[in-house]
Amino acid sequence: MKRKINKKGISYLLMFIASFMLIVHDFYRLTLESVFTGRLTTLTWFGLVTLLIAFLTLNLSYEELKKCTRECT
């Protein structure tokens, strides 16, 4: 039995992965990089806005993936 690949679901999965990786990168820069390099790092206003957008995108893509998996199964 063939299953059709849901392109919308794949795009939401890619958005989820990209926003999650951006959040992990930002928190790495804020917490661990200063331990390794000895320099203190901070967020700029642009970094704060992109982190907020990443959280919103992560939430949106997670809700859509949850809805998609409920409909597909």
N, C-alpha and C. Protein backbone atom coordinates (compact mmCIF):
# COMPACT_ATOMS: atom_id res chain seq x y z
N MET A 1 0.84 -1.17 0.00
CA MET A 1 0.00 0.00 0.00
C MET A 1 0.89 1.25 0.00
N LYS A 2 0.69 2.10 -0.98
CA LYS A 2 1.50 3.31 -1.10
C LYS A 2 0.92 4.41 -0.22
N ARG A 3 1.80 5.17 0.41
CA ARG A 3 1.38 6.33 1.17
C ARG A 3 1.86 7.57 0.44
N LYS A 4 1.00 8.54 0.36
CA LYS A 4 1.36 9.79 -0.28
C LYS A 4 2.13 10.66 0.72
N ILE A 5 3.22 11.23 0.26
CA ILE A 5 4.02 12.09 1.11
C ILE A 5 3.33 13.44 1.23
N ASN A 6 3.14 13.87 2.46
CA ASN A 6 2.50 15.14 2.73
C ASN A 6 3.54 16.26 2.69
N LYS A 7 3.53 17.05 1.64
CA LYS A 7 4.53 18.11 1.48
C LYS A 7 4.35 19.21 2.51
N LYS A 8 3.12 19.45 2.90
CA LYS A 8 2.85 20.47 3.91
C LYS A 8 3.45 20.06 5.26
N GLY A 9 3.32 18.78 5.58
CA GLY A 9 3.89 18.27 6.83
C GLY A 9 5.40 18.33 6.84
N ILE A 10 6.00 18.05 5.70
CA ILE A 10 7.46 18.12 5.62
C ILE A 10 7.95 19.56 5.78
N SER A 11 7.22 20.51 5.20
CA SER A 11 7.63 21.91 5.35
C SER A 11 7.49 22.37 6.81
N TYR A 12 6.44 21.90 7.51
CA TYR A 12 6.31 22.23 8.93
C TYR A 12 7.41 21.57 9.75
N LEU A 13 7.80 20.36 9.37
CA LEU A 13 8.88 19.68 10.07
C LEU A 13 10.20 20.43 9.88
N LEU A 14 10.47 20.90 8.67
CA LEU A 14 11.69 21.67 8.43
C LEU A 14 11.69 22.99 9.19
N MET A 15 10.52 23.65 9.25
CA MET A 15 10.41 24.88 10.05
C MET A 15 10.66 24.59 11.52
N PHE A 16 10.13 23.48 12.02
CA PHE A 16 10.32 23.09 13.41
C PHE A 16 11.81 22.87 13.71
N ILE A 17 12.48 22.13 12.83
CA ILE A 17 13.89 21.82 13.05
C ILE A 17 14.74 23.10 12.98
N ALA A 18 14.46 23.96 12.01
CA ALA A 18 15.25 25.18 11.86
C ALA A 18 15.07 26.11 13.05
N SER A 19 13.84 26.28 13.51
CA SER A 19 13.63 27.18 14.65
C SER A 19 14.20 26.57 15.93
N PHE A 20 14.11 25.26 16.09
CA PHE A 20 14.70 24.62 17.26
C PHE A 20 16.22 24.79 17.27
N MET A 21 16.83 24.62 16.11
CA MET A 21 18.29 24.79 16.03
C MET A 21 18.72 26.23 16.30
N LEU A 22 17.92 27.20 15.86
CA LEU A 22 18.23 28.60 16.14
C LEU A 22 18.15 28.88 17.64
N ILE A 23 17.15 28.32 18.30
CA ILE A 23 17.01 28.52 19.74
C ILE A 23 18.17 27.87 20.49
N VAL A 24 18.54 26.66 20.09
CA VAL A 24 19.67 25.97 20.72
C VAL A 24 20.95 26.77 20.50
N HIS A 25 21.14 27.29 19.30
CA HIS A 25 22.34 28.08 19.01
C HIS A 25 22.40 29.34 19.86
N ASP A 26 21.27 30.04 19.98
CA ASP A 26 21.26 31.27 20.78
C ASP A 26 21.56 30.98 22.25
N PHE A 27 20.96 29.92 22.79
CA PHE A 27 21.23 29.61 24.19
C PHE A 27 22.65 29.09 24.41
N TYR A 28 23.20 28.43 23.41
CA TYR A 28 24.61 28.04 23.49
C TYR A 28 25.49 29.28 23.55
N ARG A 29 25.18 30.23 22.67
CA ARG A 29 25.99 31.46 22.64
C ARG A 29 25.89 32.23 23.96
N LEU A 30 24.73 32.20 24.58
CA LEU A 30 24.55 32.96 25.81
C LEU A 30 25.13 32.25 27.03
N THR A 31 25.12 30.93 27.05
CA THR A 31 25.53 30.23 28.27
C THR A 31 26.92 29.59 28.16
N LEU A 32 27.14 28.74 27.20
CA LEU A 32 28.36 27.94 27.20
C LEU A 32 29.55 28.60 26.53
N GLU A 33 29.30 29.45 25.56
CA GLU A 33 30.44 30.05 24.86
C GLU A 33 31.29 30.91 25.79
N SER A 34 30.65 31.60 26.72
CA SER A 34 31.43 32.43 27.64
C SER A 34 32.29 31.56 28.57
N VAL A 35 31.86 30.36 28.86
CA VAL A 35 32.66 29.44 29.68
C VAL A 35 33.89 28.99 28.91
N PHE A 36 33.72 28.69 27.62
CA PHE A 36 34.83 28.18 26.82
C PHE A 36 35.82 29.26 26.40
N THR A 37 35.31 30.46 26.07
CA THR A 37 36.20 31.51 25.55
C THR A 37 36.63 32.52 26.60
N GLY A 38 35.87 32.65 27.67
CA GLY A 38 36.20 33.65 28.69
C GLY A 38 35.66 35.02 28.39
N ARG A 39 34.93 35.18 27.28
CA ARG A 39 34.31 36.46 26.94
C ARG A 39 32.81 36.39 27.19
N LEU A 40 32.25 37.47 27.70
CA LEU A 40 30.82 37.51 27.97
C LEU A 40 30.07 37.87 26.69
N THR A 41 29.04 37.11 26.35
CA THR A 41 28.24 37.39 25.17
C THR A 41 26.84 37.79 25.61
N THR A 42 26.23 38.67 24.83
CA THR A 42 24.88 39.15 25.12
C THR A 42 24.06 39.13 23.83
N LEU A 43 22.76 39.33 23.99
CA LEU A 43 21.87 39.43 22.83
C LEU A 43 21.71 40.89 22.42
N THR A 44 21.68 41.13 21.13
CA THR A 44 21.31 42.45 20.63
C THR A 44 19.80 42.50 20.49
N TRP A 45 19.28 43.66 20.13
CA TRP A 45 17.83 43.76 19.91
C TRP A 45 17.41 42.88 18.74
N PHE A 46 18.24 42.83 17.71
CA PHE A 46 17.95 41.97 16.56
C PHE A 46 17.94 40.50 16.98
N GLY A 47 18.90 40.11 17.82
CA GLY A 47 18.95 38.74 18.31
C GLY A 47 17.75 38.40 19.17
N LEU A 48 17.29 39.35 19.96
CA LEU A 48 16.12 39.13 20.79
C LEU A 48 14.86 38.96 19.93
N VAL A 49 14.74 39.76 18.88
CA VAL A 49 13.59 39.65 17.98
C VAL A 49 13.61 38.33 17.23
N THR A 50 14.78 37.91 16.74
CA THR A 50 14.85 36.64 16.03
C THR A 50 14.60 35.46 16.96
N LEU A 51 15.02 35.56 18.22
CA LEU A 51 14.72 34.51 19.19
C LEU A 51 13.23 34.42 19.46
N LEU A 52 12.57 35.56 19.55
CA LEU A 52 11.12 35.59 19.75
C LEU A 52 10.41 34.99 18.53
N ILE A 53 10.84 35.34 17.34
CA ILE A 53 10.24 34.79 16.12
C ILE A 53 10.49 33.28 16.05
N ALA A 54 11.66 32.82 16.49
CA ALA A 54 11.95 31.39 16.49
C ALA A 54 11.03 30.65 17.44
N PHE A 55 10.76 31.22 18.62
CA PHE A 55 9.84 30.58 19.56
C PHE A 55 8.42 30.53 18.99
N LEU A 56 7.99 31.60 18.35
CA LEU A 56 6.65 31.62 17.76
C LEU A 56 6.54 30.61 16.60
N THR A 57 7.58 30.53 15.78
CA THR A 57 7.59 29.58 14.68
C THR A 57 7.62 28.15 15.19
N LEU A 58 8.38 27.91 16.25
CA LEU A 58 8.44 26.58 16.84
C LEU A 58 7.06 26.16 17.35
N ASN A 59 6.38 27.08 18.02
CA ASN A 59 5.05 26.77 18.54
C ASN A 59 4.06 26.50 17.40
N LEU A 60 4.08 27.34 16.37
CA LEU A 60 3.17 27.17 15.24
C LEU A 60 3.42 25.85 14.53
N SER A 61 4.67 25.56 14.24
CA SER A 61 4.97 24.32 13.51
C SER A 61 4.68 23.09 14.36
N TYR A 62 4.88 23.17 15.67
CA TYR A 62 4.57 22.04 16.54
C TYR A 62 3.07 21.76 16.54
N GLU A 63 2.27 22.81 16.64
CA GLU A 63 0.81 22.62 16.63
C GLU A 63 0.34 22.05 15.29
N GLU A 64 0.90 22.52 14.21
CA GLU A 64 0.51 22.00 12.88
C GLU A 64 0.96 20.55 12.69
N LEU A 65 2.15 20.21 13.19
CA LEU A 65 2.61 18.83 13.10
C LEU A 65 1.73 17.91 13.94
N LYS A 66 1.32 18.38 15.10
CA LYS A 66 0.44 17.59 15.95
C LYS A 66 -0.89 17.35 15.25
N LYS A 67 -1.42 18.40 14.60
CA LYS A 67 -2.68 18.28 13.88
C LYS A 67 -2.52 17.35 12.68
N CYS A 68 -1.41 17.44 11.98
CA CYS A 68 -1.17 16.62 10.80
C CYS A 68 -1.02 15.16 11.17
N THR A 69 -0.33 14.86 12.25
CA THR A 69 -0.18 13.46 12.64
C THR A 69 -1.50 12.88 13.13
N ARG A 70 -2.35 13.70 13.72
CA ARG A 70 -3.65 13.22 14.14
C ARG A 70 -4.53 12.90 12.94
N GLU A 71 -4.46 13.72 11.89
CA GLU A 71 -5.27 13.49 10.70
C GLU A 71 -4.74 12.34 9.86
N CYS A 72 -3.44 12.16 9.81
CA CYS A 72 -2.84 11.15 8.94
C CYS A 72 -2.96 9.74 9.51
N THR A 73 -3.06 9.62 10.82
CA THR A 73 -3.11 8.27 11.39
C THR A 73 -4.53 7.84 11.65
